[in-house]
Amino acid sequence: MKDLTKAEEQIMQIVWDLKKAFIKDIVDEMPEPKPAYNTVGTFLKILETKGFVSRKKFGNTYMYKPAIGQKAYTRASMNGFLGKYFEGSAEKLFSFMVREKDLNIEQVEDLMKKLKKND
């Protein structure tokens, strides 16, 4: 799966949230200053080429839908991140985060309980 740029990911977050959207809908959801309609359209063409969205023609415009789920993208991104920075080891990532955030044993145990609860 290809990586997304920050701008592409921002647009994809909106498409994932809306489930299906026209360019106008996406622009309306974007923060100020809002990008131009044509700019969002260009990014959607790129996202379609990368396989992230599909489109269906309605008159002289298109409706866009996610072609890749948010969870699948998150999983692929995290696996790439783990591989790039932590030799593919979730344990090394966890150890890094514990040290970086200076977590005490109670906080780590609380986190472990929350993880077990979600299983």
N, C-alpha and C. Protein backbone atom coordinates (compact mmCIF):
# COMPACT_ATOMS: atom_id res chain seq x y z
N MET A 1 0.84 -1.17 0.00
CA MET A 1 0.00 0.00 0.00
C MET A 1 0.89 1.24 0.00
N LYS A 2 0.56 2.19 -0.85
CA LYS A 2 1.37 3.40 -0.94
C LYS A 2 1.10 4.32 0.25
N ASP A 3 2.11 5.11 0.57
CA ASP A 3 1.96 6.09 1.63
C ASP A 3 1.16 7.29 1.13
N LEU A 4 0.49 7.95 2.07
CA LEU A 4 -0.23 9.18 1.76
C LEU A 4 0.55 10.38 2.26
N THR A 5 0.49 11.47 1.51
CA THR A 5 1.06 12.72 2.00
C THR A 5 0.12 13.26 3.07
N LYS A 6 0.56 14.27 3.77
CA LYS A 6 -0.27 14.87 4.82
C LYS A 6 -1.59 15.39 4.25
N ALA A 7 -1.52 16.07 3.10
CA ALA A 7 -2.73 16.61 2.47
C ALA A 7 -3.65 15.49 2.00
N GLU A 8 -3.09 14.44 1.41
CA GLU A 8 -3.90 13.31 0.96
C GLU A 8 -4.58 12.63 2.14
N GLU A 9 -3.84 12.48 3.23
CA GLU A 9 -4.41 11.84 4.41
C GLU A 9 -5.53 12.69 5.00
N GLN A 10 -5.37 14.00 4.98
CA GLN A 10 -6.42 14.90 5.49
C GLN A 10 -7.71 14.71 4.68
N ILE A 11 -7.58 14.62 3.38
CA ILE A 11 -8.75 14.40 2.52
C ILE A 11 -9.33 13.01 2.76
N MET A 12 -8.48 12.01 2.88
CA MET A 12 -8.98 10.65 3.13
C MET A 12 -9.72 10.56 4.46
N GLN A 13 -9.25 11.26 5.49
CA GLN A 13 -9.96 11.24 6.77
C GLN A 13 -11.39 11.72 6.58
N ILE A 14 -11.57 12.74 5.78
CA ILE A 14 -12.91 13.27 5.51
C ILE A 14 -13.73 12.26 4.71
N VAL A 15 -13.13 11.67 3.68
CA VAL A 15 -13.85 10.68 2.87
C VAL A 15 -14.24 9.48 3.73
N TRP A 16 -13.34 9.03 4.61
CA TRP A 16 -13.68 7.92 5.51
C TRP A 16 -14.84 8.31 6.43
N ASP A 17 -14.81 9.51 6.96
CA ASP A 17 -15.88 9.96 7.86
C ASP A 17 -17.22 10.07 7.14
N LEU A 18 -17.21 10.62 5.93
CA LEU A 18 -18.46 10.84 5.20
C LEU A 18 -18.97 9.58 4.48
N LYS A 19 -18.11 8.62 4.25
CA LYS A 19 -18.41 7.37 3.54
C LYS A 19 -18.56 7.55 2.03
N LYS A 20 -19.21 8.61 1.59
CA LYS A 20 -19.29 8.98 0.18
C LYS A 20 -19.47 10.49 0.14
N ALA A 21 -18.83 11.11 -0.85
CA ALA A 21 -18.84 12.58 -0.87
C ALA A 21 -18.52 13.12 -2.24
N PHE A 22 -19.08 14.27 -2.50
CA PHE A 22 -18.71 15.05 -3.68
C PHE A 22 -17.61 16.01 -3.24
N ILE A 23 -16.89 16.59 -4.20
CA ILE A 23 -15.78 17.49 -3.87
C ILE A 23 -16.26 18.62 -2.96
N LYS A 24 -17.43 19.17 -3.25
CA LYS A 24 -17.97 20.26 -2.44
C LYS A 24 -18.12 19.84 -0.97
N ASP A 25 -18.59 18.60 -0.74
CA ASP A 25 -18.75 18.10 0.63
C ASP A 25 -17.40 18.05 1.36
N ILE A 26 -16.38 17.63 0.63
CA ILE A 26 -15.04 17.53 1.22
C ILE A 26 -14.50 18.92 1.54
N VAL A 27 -14.63 19.84 0.60
CA VAL A 27 -14.17 21.22 0.84
C VAL A 27 -14.89 21.81 2.05
N ASP A 28 -16.20 21.57 2.15
CA ASP A 28 -16.98 22.10 3.28
C ASP A 28 -16.46 21.59 4.63
N GLU A 29 -15.92 20.39 4.66
CA GLU A 29 -15.44 19.79 5.91
C GLU A 29 -14.01 20.21 6.27
N MET A 30 -13.32 20.82 5.36
CA MET A 30 -11.92 21.18 5.58
C MET A 30 -11.81 22.46 6.41
N PRO A 31 -10.73 22.58 7.20
CA PRO A 31 -10.55 23.77 8.02
C PRO A 31 -10.19 25.00 7.18
N GLU A 32 -10.39 26.15 7.77
CA GLU A 32 -9.99 27.41 7.13
C GLU A 32 -8.48 27.53 7.17
N PRO A 33 -7.85 28.11 6.21
CA PRO A 33 -8.43 28.54 4.94
C PRO A 33 -8.70 27.32 4.06
N LYS A 34 -9.89 27.26 3.53
CA LYS A 34 -10.30 26.12 2.71
C LYS A 34 -9.54 26.11 1.38
N PRO A 35 -9.13 24.94 0.94
CA PRO A 35 -8.46 24.86 -0.36
C PRO A 35 -9.46 25.08 -1.49
N ALA A 36 -8.95 25.38 -2.65
CA ALA A 36 -9.80 25.56 -3.82
C ALA A 36 -10.42 24.23 -4.23
N TYR A 37 -11.59 24.30 -4.79
CA TYR A 37 -12.31 23.14 -5.30
C TYR A 37 -11.42 22.32 -6.23
N ASN A 38 -10.73 22.99 -7.15
CA ASN A 38 -9.86 22.30 -8.12
C ASN A 38 -8.69 21.60 -7.43
N THR A 39 -8.19 22.19 -6.36
CA THR A 39 -7.08 21.57 -5.62
C THR A 39 -7.52 20.24 -5.01
N VAL A 40 -8.69 20.24 -4.38
CA VAL A 40 -9.23 19.00 -3.80
C VAL A 40 -9.48 17.98 -4.91
N GLY A 41 -10.00 18.44 -6.04
CA GLY A 41 -10.21 17.54 -7.17
C GLY A 41 -8.93 16.90 -7.65
N THR A 42 -7.85 17.67 -7.68
CA THR A 42 -6.55 17.13 -8.09
C THR A 42 -6.08 16.06 -7.12
N PHE A 43 -6.23 16.33 -5.82
CA PHE A 43 -5.83 15.33 -4.82
C PHE A 43 -6.67 14.08 -4.93
N LEU A 44 -7.96 14.22 -5.22
CA LEU A 44 -8.81 13.04 -5.37
C LEU A 44 -8.40 12.21 -6.57
N LYS A 45 -7.96 12.85 -7.64
CA LYS A 45 -7.46 12.10 -8.80
C LYS A 45 -6.22 11.30 -8.41
N ILE A 46 -5.35 11.91 -7.62
CA ILE A 46 -4.15 11.22 -7.14
C ILE A 46 -4.54 10.04 -6.25
N LEU A 47 -5.50 10.28 -5.35
CA LEU A 47 -5.95 9.21 -4.45
C LEU A 47 -6.61 8.07 -5.23
N GLU A 48 -7.29 8.40 -6.31
CA GLU A 48 -7.88 7.36 -7.15
C GLU A 48 -6.77 6.55 -7.84
N THR A 49 -5.76 7.24 -8.34
CA THR A 49 -4.62 6.56 -8.98
C THR A 49 -3.91 5.64 -8.00
N LYS A 50 -3.78 6.07 -6.76
CA LYS A 50 -3.14 5.26 -5.72
C LYS A 50 -4.04 4.14 -5.22
N GLY A 51 -5.32 4.15 -5.61
CA GLY A 51 -6.24 3.09 -5.21
C GLY A 51 -6.96 3.33 -3.90
N PHE A 52 -6.94 4.56 -3.41
CA PHE A 52 -7.57 4.86 -2.12
C PHE A 52 -9.05 5.23 -2.24
N VAL A 53 -9.46 5.79 -3.37
CA VAL A 53 -10.86 6.14 -3.58
C VAL A 53 -11.34 5.60 -4.92
N SER A 54 -12.63 5.42 -5.00
CA SER A 54 -13.26 5.12 -6.28
C SER A 54 -14.28 6.24 -6.53
N ARG A 55 -14.70 6.38 -7.77
CA ARG A 55 -15.64 7.45 -8.07
C ARG A 55 -16.74 6.96 -9.01
N LYS A 56 -17.88 7.66 -8.92
CA LYS A 56 -19.02 7.35 -9.78
C LYS A 56 -19.54 8.68 -10.31
N LYS A 57 -19.78 8.70 -11.61
CA LYS A 57 -20.20 9.94 -12.27
C LYS A 57 -21.68 10.21 -12.02
N PHE A 58 -21.98 11.45 -11.65
CA PHE A 58 -23.35 11.94 -11.50
C PHE A 58 -23.43 13.25 -12.29
N GLY A 59 -24.01 13.20 -13.46
CA GLY A 59 -24.09 14.40 -14.30
C GLY A 59 -22.69 14.84 -14.69
N ASN A 60 -22.32 16.06 -14.29
CA ASN A 60 -20.98 16.55 -14.64
C ASN A 60 -20.04 16.56 -13.42
N THR A 61 -20.37 15.77 -12.43
CA THR A 61 -19.51 15.69 -11.24
C THR A 61 -19.37 14.23 -10.81
N TYR A 62 -18.53 14.01 -9.83
CA TYR A 62 -18.26 12.65 -9.34
C TYR A 62 -18.53 12.55 -7.84
N MET A 63 -19.00 11.38 -7.43
CA MET A 63 -19.12 11.04 -6.02
C MET A 63 -17.97 10.10 -5.70
N TYR A 64 -17.26 10.37 -4.61
CA TYR A 64 -16.10 9.59 -4.22
C TYR A 64 -16.42 8.74 -2.99
N LYS A 65 -15.87 7.53 -2.99
CA LYS A 65 -16.02 6.61 -1.85
C LYS A 65 -14.66 6.01 -1.53
N PRO A 66 -14.44 5.64 -0.27
CA PRO A 66 -13.17 4.98 0.06
C PRO A 66 -13.08 3.63 -0.65
N ALA A 67 -11.93 3.34 -1.21
CA ALA A 67 -11.67 2.03 -1.81
C ALA A 67 -10.84 1.19 -0.84
N ILE A 68 -10.25 1.85 0.14
CA ILE A 68 -9.47 1.20 1.19
C ILE A 68 -10.01 1.68 2.51
N GLY A 69 -10.26 0.77 3.42
CA GLY A 69 -10.78 1.13 4.73
C GLY A 69 -9.72 1.82 5.59
N GLN A 70 -10.21 2.63 6.51
CA GLN A 70 -9.32 3.36 7.40
C GLN A 70 -8.50 2.40 8.27
N LYS A 71 -9.13 1.34 8.72
CA LYS A 71 -8.42 0.38 9.57
C LYS A 71 -7.30 -0.32 8.80
N ALA A 72 -7.54 -0.67 7.55
CA ALA A 72 -6.51 -1.32 6.74
C ALA A 72 -5.34 -0.37 6.50
N TYR A 73 -5.65 0.91 6.25
CA TYR A 73 -4.58 1.89 6.05
C TYR A 73 -3.78 2.08 7.34
N THR A 74 -4.48 2.18 8.46
CA THR A 74 -3.80 2.36 9.75
C THR A 74 -2.89 1.17 10.04
N ARG A 75 -3.38 -0.03 9.78
CA ARG A 75 -2.58 -1.24 10.02
C ARG A 75 -1.32 -1.23 9.16
N ALA A 76 -1.48 -0.91 7.88
CA ALA A 76 -0.33 -0.89 6.96
C ALA A 76 0.66 0.20 7.36
N SER A 77 0.15 1.36 7.76
CA SER A 77 1.02 2.46 8.18
C SER A 77 1.80 2.09 9.44
N MET A 78 1.11 1.49 10.39
CA MET A 78 1.79 1.10 11.64
C MET A 78 2.84 0.03 11.38
N ASN A 79 2.51 -0.92 10.53
CA ASN A 79 3.49 -1.96 10.20
C ASN A 79 4.72 -1.36 9.53
N GLY A 80 4.49 -0.39 8.64
CA GLY A 80 5.61 0.31 8.00
C GLY A 80 6.43 1.10 9.01
N PHE A 81 5.76 1.78 9.92
CA PHE A 81 6.41 2.55 10.97
C PHE A 81 7.24 1.63 11.88
N LEU A 82 6.64 0.52 12.29
CA LEU A 82 7.37 -0.44 13.13
C LEU A 82 8.61 -0.96 12.41
N GLY A 83 8.44 -1.30 11.15
CA GLY A 83 9.56 -1.83 10.39
C GLY A 83 10.67 -0.81 10.21
N LYS A 84 10.29 0.42 9.96
CA LYS A 84 11.27 1.48 9.68
C LYS A 84 12.03 1.92 10.92
N TYR A 85 11.34 2.02 12.05
CA TYR A 85 11.96 2.59 13.25
C TYR A 85 12.23 1.61 14.38
N PHE A 86 11.55 0.47 14.39
CA PHE A 86 11.66 -0.44 15.53
C PHE A 86 11.89 -1.89 15.12
N GLU A 87 12.51 -2.09 13.96
CA GLU A 87 12.85 -3.43 13.47
C GLU A 87 11.64 -4.36 13.46
N GLY A 88 10.45 -3.80 13.25
CA GLY A 88 9.23 -4.60 13.20
C GLY A 88 8.73 -5.07 14.55
N SER A 89 9.30 -4.56 15.63
CA SER A 89 8.98 -5.05 16.97
C SER A 89 8.05 -4.10 17.72
N ALA A 90 6.83 -4.57 18.02
CA ALA A 90 5.91 -3.79 18.84
C ALA A 90 6.47 -3.65 20.25
N GLU A 91 7.20 -4.65 20.71
CA GLU A 91 7.81 -4.59 22.04
C GLU A 91 8.82 -3.44 22.14
N LYS A 92 9.62 -3.26 21.09
CA LYS A 92 10.58 -2.15 21.09
C LYS A 92 9.86 -0.81 21.05
N LEU A 93 8.76 -0.72 20.32
CA LEU A 93 7.96 0.50 20.29
C LEU A 93 7.40 0.79 21.67
N PHE A 94 6.83 -0.22 22.31
CA PHE A 94 6.25 -0.05 23.64
C PHE A 94 7.32 0.38 24.64
N SER A 95 8.47 -0.26 24.59
CA SER A 95 9.58 0.09 25.48
C SER A 95 10.01 1.54 25.26
N PHE A 96 10.10 1.95 24.01
CA PHE A 96 10.45 3.32 23.68
C PHE A 96 9.44 4.30 24.27
N MET A 97 8.16 4.00 24.10
CA MET A 97 7.11 4.89 24.59
C MET A 97 7.12 4.97 26.13
N VAL A 98 7.35 3.87 26.78
CA VAL A 98 7.41 3.87 28.25
C VAL A 98 8.55 4.77 28.71
N ARG A 99 9.71 4.65 28.08
CA ARG A 99 10.85 5.49 28.46
C ARG A 99 10.62 6.96 28.10
N GLU A 100 10.11 7.22 26.89
CA GLU A 100 9.91 8.60 26.42
C GLU A 100 8.89 9.35 27.25
N LYS A 101 7.83 8.67 27.63
CA LYS A 101 6.76 9.31 28.39
C LYS A 101 6.96 9.17 29.90
N ASP A 102 8.08 8.54 30.28
CA ASP A 102 8.42 8.37 31.68
C ASP A 102 7.25 7.79 32.48
N LEU A 103 6.68 6.70 31.95
CA LEU A 103 5.56 6.05 32.60
C LEU A 103 6.02 5.26 33.82
N ASN A 104 5.24 5.32 34.89
CA ASN A 104 5.56 4.50 36.05
C ASN A 104 4.86 3.15 35.93
N ILE A 105 5.17 2.26 36.84
CA ILE A 105 4.65 0.89 36.76
C ILE A 105 3.13 0.85 36.83
N GLU A 106 2.53 1.73 37.63
CA GLU A 106 1.07 1.76 37.74
C GLU A 106 0.43 2.16 36.40
N GLN A 107 1.03 3.12 35.72
CA GLN A 107 0.50 3.55 34.44
C GLN A 107 0.63 2.43 33.39
N VAL A 108 1.74 1.72 33.43
CA VAL A 108 1.93 0.60 32.50
C VAL A 108 0.92 -0.51 32.79
N GLU A 109 0.72 -0.82 34.06
CA GLU A 109 -0.25 -1.86 34.43
C GLU A 109 -1.67 -1.46 34.03
N ASP A 110 -1.99 -0.18 34.22
CA ASP A 110 -3.31 0.32 33.83
C ASP A 110 -3.50 0.18 32.32
N LEU A 111 -2.47 0.51 31.57
CA LEU A 111 -2.52 0.37 30.12
C LEU A 111 -2.72 -1.10 29.73
N MET A 112 -1.99 -1.98 30.38
CA MET A 112 -2.14 -3.42 30.09
C MET A 112 -3.55 -3.91 30.37
N LYS A 113 -4.16 -3.44 31.47
CA LYS A 113 -5.55 -3.82 31.78
C LYS A 113 -6.50 -3.34 30.70
N LYS A 114 -6.29 -2.12 30.23
CA LYS A 114 -7.14 -1.58 29.16
C LYS A 114 -6.99 -2.39 27.87
N LEU A 115 -5.76 -2.79 27.57
CA LEU A 115 -5.53 -3.59 26.37
C LEU A 115 -6.22 -4.95 26.48
N LYS A 116 -6.12 -5.58 27.64
CA LYS A 116 -6.76 -6.89 27.83
C LYS A 116 -8.27 -6.76 27.76
N LYS A 117 -8.80 -5.65 28.26
CA LYS A 117 -10.24 -5.42 28.26
C LYS A 117 -10.77 -5.28 26.83
N ASN A 118 -9.99 -4.73 25.92
CA ASN A 118 -10.40 -4.54 24.54
C ASN A 118 -10.28 -5.81 23.70
N ASP A 119 -9.67 -6.84 24.22
CA ASP A 119 -9.53 -8.10 23.45
C ASP A 119 -10.77 -8.89 23.44
